Amino acid sequence: MQRILFGALAALTLFVVGNASLFMVDQREYAVVRQIGEIRRVIDQPGLYLKVPLIQSITYFDKRILTIDTADVDRFITSEKLNVQVDSFVKWRIADPKKFVVSVGGSELIGADRISRSVRDAMNNEIAKRTVSDMISGEREQMMASVRGKVAEDAKQIGAEIIDVRMKRVDFAPEVSERVFDRMQAERKRVANER
């Protein structure tokens, strides 16, 4: 009886240790293996892997493309000193998990915030050089290419890769829209009075 109990206990111990030693990596994620807080290795291939139980821990990061698309619009001033509201989005992904962990603590929220700030700064610099008609005409692609390039440089510092940065919508700020509408009304009245 004692042998059976000992054998069952040994089998249970082997099962628990074996189960704690194995981990799986999905094709859509990276796994970062840490030992006492220090990064030991980054696994980017799917499969079943071994780790030292209780000493090593695993953190998973998404390989897929992530999106930053907030409901907030950003306000910028054009070269003609008009306030515009720009709604934009960013497509990005984690390219270097080790650098991502070191620079932003592995937090997608902190990484997205850093990228968003970089986008706002780059857009501010580009929009300040252009008029409203430049922003909605042929120069829009050139402007966005410049923004993408600047943001991509900044994102490399945190281990991220920028896939795309786009403006969804450009509107006048409410106070500017009212002035434009008033100007249009005055022009219509002037034309009507001439007839």
Protein backbone atom coordinates (compact mmCIF):
# COMPACT_ATOMS: atom_id res chain seq x y z
CA MET A 1 0.00 0.00 0.00
CA GLN A 2 2.84 2.34 0.88
CA ARG A 3 4.51 1.67 -2.51
CA ILE A 4 1.31 2.51 -4.37
CA LEU A 5 0.89 5.75 -2.39
CA PHE A 6 4.56 6.66 -2.99
CA GLY A 7 4.23 5.82 -6.72
CA ALA A 8 1.06 7.90 -7.04
CA LEU A 9 2.72 10.81 -5.22
CA ALA A 10 5.80 10.57 -7.47
CA ALA A 11 3.61 10.45 -10.59
CA LEU A 12 1.61 13.46 -9.39
CA THR A 13 4.83 15.37 -8.63
CA LEU A 14 6.22 14.56 -12.08
CA PHE A 15 2.96 15.66 -13.70
CA VAL A 16 2.88 18.98 -11.80
CA VAL A 17 6.58 19.74 -12.47
CA GLY A 18 6.24 18.69 -16.12
CA ASN A 19 3.12 20.80 -16.54
CA ALA A 20 4.82 23.81 -14.91
CA SER A 21 7.86 23.33 -17.17
CA LEU A 22 5.98 23.39 -20.46
CA PHE A 23 4.50 26.38 -22.25
CA MET A 24 3.07 26.91 -25.67
CA VAL A 25 3.67 29.77 -28.10
CA ASP A 26 0.96 30.56 -30.62
CA GLN A 27 1.80 31.71 -34.17
CA ARG A 28 0.20 35.10 -33.43
CA GLU A 29 2.45 35.95 -30.49
CA TYR A 30 5.95 36.35 -29.13
CA ALA A 31 6.96 34.83 -25.81
CA VAL A 32 9.53 36.55 -23.62
CA VAL A 33 11.18 34.26 -21.07
CA ARG A 34 12.35 36.06 -17.94
CA GLN A 35 14.44 34.71 -15.12
CA ILE A 36 14.31 36.76 -11.94
CA GLY A 37 13.20 39.79 -14.00
CA GLU A 38 16.01 39.51 -16.55
CA ILE A 39 15.09 38.67 -20.15
CA ARG A 40 16.65 35.32 -21.05
CA ARG A 41 15.22 34.77 -24.52
CA VAL A 42 12.54 35.81 -26.99
CA ILE A 43 10.63 33.09 -28.82
CA ASP A 44 8.96 34.08 -32.08
CA GLN A 45 8.25 30.62 -33.54
CA PRO A 46 5.11 28.67 -32.59
CA GLY A 47 5.48 25.45 -30.65
CA LEU A 48 5.86 23.78 -27.27
CA TYR A 49 8.81 24.94 -25.14
CA LEU A 50 10.44 24.21 -21.79
CA LYS A 51 11.14 26.58 -18.92
CA VAL A 52 12.51 26.22 -15.41
CA PRO A 53 9.45 26.12 -13.13
CA LEU A 54 9.19 28.73 -10.36
CA ILE A 55 12.34 30.52 -11.62
CA GLN A 56 11.37 31.51 -15.15
CA SER A 57 8.21 33.37 -16.14
CA ILE A 58 6.65 33.90 -19.56
CA THR A 59 5.12 37.09 -20.97
CA TYR A 60 3.26 37.00 -24.28
CA PHE A 61 3.08 39.83 -26.83
CA ASP A 62 0.86 40.11 -29.88
CA LYS A 63 2.56 39.81 -33.29
CA ARG A 64 -0.53 41.04 -35.11
CA ILE A 65 -1.11 44.58 -36.35
CA LEU A 66 -2.58 46.85 -33.67
CA THR A 67 -4.65 49.99 -34.23
CA ILE A 68 -4.67 53.34 -32.46
CA ASP A 69 -7.97 55.00 -33.32
CA THR A 70 -9.38 57.20 -30.57
CA ALA A 71 -12.63 59.12 -30.63
CA ASP A 72 -10.72 62.33 -29.86
CA VAL A 73 -9.72 64.73 -32.60
CA ASP A 74 -6.54 66.77 -32.42
CA ARG A 75 -6.42 70.51 -33.07
CA PHE A 76 -3.65 72.04 -35.14
CA ILE A 77 -2.88 75.47 -36.60
CA THR A 78 -2.15 75.75 -40.32
CA SER A 79 0.37 78.11 -41.92
CA GLU A 80 -2.51 80.53 -42.55
CA LYS A 81 -3.25 80.56 -38.79
CA LEU A 82 -6.53 78.62 -39.05
CA ASN A 83 -7.50 76.04 -36.45
CA VAL A 84 -8.27 72.63 -37.91
CA GLN A 85 -9.42 69.41 -36.30
CA VAL A 86 -7.77 66.24 -37.56
CA ASP A 87 -9.03 62.72 -36.92
CA SER A 88 -6.35 60.14 -37.64
CA PHE A 89 -5.45 56.51 -37.01
CA VAL A 90 -2.25 54.49 -36.76
CA LYS A 91 -1.55 50.84 -37.61
CA TRP A 92 1.46 49.43 -35.77
CA ARG A 93 2.95 46.23 -34.40
CA ILE A 94 5.58 45.08 -31.93
CA ALA A 95 8.71 44.29 -33.94
CA ASP A 96 11.33 43.82 -31.19
CA PRO A 97 9.77 42.40 -27.99
CA LYS A 98 13.00 42.72 -25.97
CA LYS A 99 13.34 46.44 -26.78
CA PHE A 100 9.60 46.87 -26.20
CA VAL A 101 9.88 45.38 -22.70
CA VAL A 102 12.93 47.48 -21.83
CA SER A 103 11.57 50.79 -23.16
CA VAL A 104 7.88 50.71 -22.20
CA GLY A 105 7.74 47.85 -19.70
CA GLY A 106 5.95 45.65 -22.22
CA SER A 107 2.74 47.70 -21.96
CA GLU A 108 0.78 48.08 -25.19
CA LEU A 109 -1.03 51.07 -23.64
CA ILE A 110 2.21 52.90 -22.88
CA GLY A 111 3.57 52.01 -26.33
CA ALA A 112 0.39 53.27 -28.01
CA ASP A 113 0.56 56.48 -25.97
CA ARG A 114 4.16 57.12 -27.03
CA ILE A 115 3.27 56.50 -30.67
CA SER A 116 0.21 58.78 -30.40
CA ARG A 117 2.35 61.60 -28.99
CA SER A 118 4.85 61.12 -31.80
CA VAL A 119 2.02 61.29 -34.37
CA ARG A 120 0.67 64.51 -32.83
CA ASP A 121 4.12 66.12 -32.85
CA ALA A 122 4.85 65.09 -36.44
CA MET A 123 1.42 66.23 -37.63
CA ASN A 124 1.79 69.53 -35.81
CA ASN A 125 5.12 70.16 -37.57
CA GLU A 126 3.74 69.22 -40.99
CA ILE A 127 0.39 71.02 -40.70
CA ALA A 128 2.08 74.22 -39.49
CA LYS A 129 3.91 74.35 -42.86
CA ARG A 130 0.75 73.95 -44.98
CA THR A 131 -2.54 75.64 -45.79
CA VAL A 132 -5.94 73.96 -45.46
CA SER A 133 -6.15 73.46 -49.23
CA ASP A 134 -2.71 71.79 -49.19
CA MET A 135 -3.94 69.35 -46.55
CA ILE A 136 -6.95 68.25 -48.55
CA SER A 137 -5.32 68.30 -51.98
CA GLY A 138 -2.40 66.53 -53.61
CA GLU A 139 0.08 67.43 -50.88
CA ARG A 140 -1.82 65.28 -48.40
CA GLU A 141 0.04 62.11 -49.42
CA GLN A 142 3.40 63.85 -49.25
CA MET A 143 2.52 65.23 -45.81
CA MET A 144 1.42 61.81 -44.52
CA ALA A 145 4.57 60.16 -45.92
CA SER A 146 6.65 62.66 -43.97
CA VAL A 147 4.60 62.03 -40.80
CA ARG A 148 4.93 58.23 -41.25
CA GLY A 149 8.70 58.54 -41.64
CA LYS A 150 9.11 60.60 -38.47
CA VAL A 151 6.79 58.37 -36.44
CA ALA A 152 8.52 55.21 -37.73
CA GLU A 153 11.89 56.54 -36.48
CA ASP A 154 10.43 57.25 -33.04
CA ALA A 155 8.66 53.88 -32.91
CA LYS A 156 11.91 51.97 -33.59
CA GLN A 157 13.25 53.31 -30.29
CA ILE A 158 10.56 51.38 -28.39
CA GLY A 159 10.71 48.21 -30.51
CA ALA A 160 7.62 48.98 -32.59
CA GLU A 161 7.05 49.17 -36.34
CA ILE A 162 4.64 51.64 -37.97
CA ILE A 163 2.55 50.09 -40.73
CA ASP A 164 0.44 53.13 -41.62
CA VAL A 165 -0.60 56.59 -40.43
CA ARG A 166 -3.65 58.19 -42.05
CA MET A 167 -5.91 61.19 -41.64
CA LYS A 168 -9.55 60.12 -41.66
CA ARG A 169 -11.03 63.58 -41.55
CA VAL A 170 -9.96 67.23 -41.57
CA ASP A 171 -12.47 69.84 -40.38
CA PHE A 172 -12.31 73.47 -39.47
CA ALA A 173 -12.54 74.14 -35.74
CA PRO A 174 -16.10 75.26 -34.78
CA GLU A 175 -15.15 78.94 -34.49
CA VAL A 176 -13.48 78.86 -37.93
CA SER A 177 -16.46 77.05 -39.47
CA GLU A 178 -18.77 79.82 -38.26
CA ARG A 179 -16.53 82.48 -39.82
CA VAL A 180 -16.37 80.57 -43.12
CA PHE A 181 -20.17 80.14 -43.10
CA ASP A 182 -20.70 83.85 -42.34
CA ARG A 183 -18.30 84.77 -45.15
CA MET A 184 -20.16 82.46 -47.56
CA GLN A 185 -23.51 83.99 -46.55
CA ALA A 186 -22.19 87.52 -47.05
CA GLU A 187 -20.86 86.56 -50.48
CA ARG A 188 -24.25 85.06 -51.48
CA LYS A 189 -26.08 88.18 -50.31
CA ARG A 190 -23.66 90.39 -52.25
CA VAL A 191 -24.22 88.33 -55.42
CA ALA A 192 -28.04 88.42 -54.88
CA ASN A 193 -28.02 92.20 -54.40
CA GLU A 194 -26.08 92.70 -57.64
CA ARG A 195 -28.83 91.02 -59.68
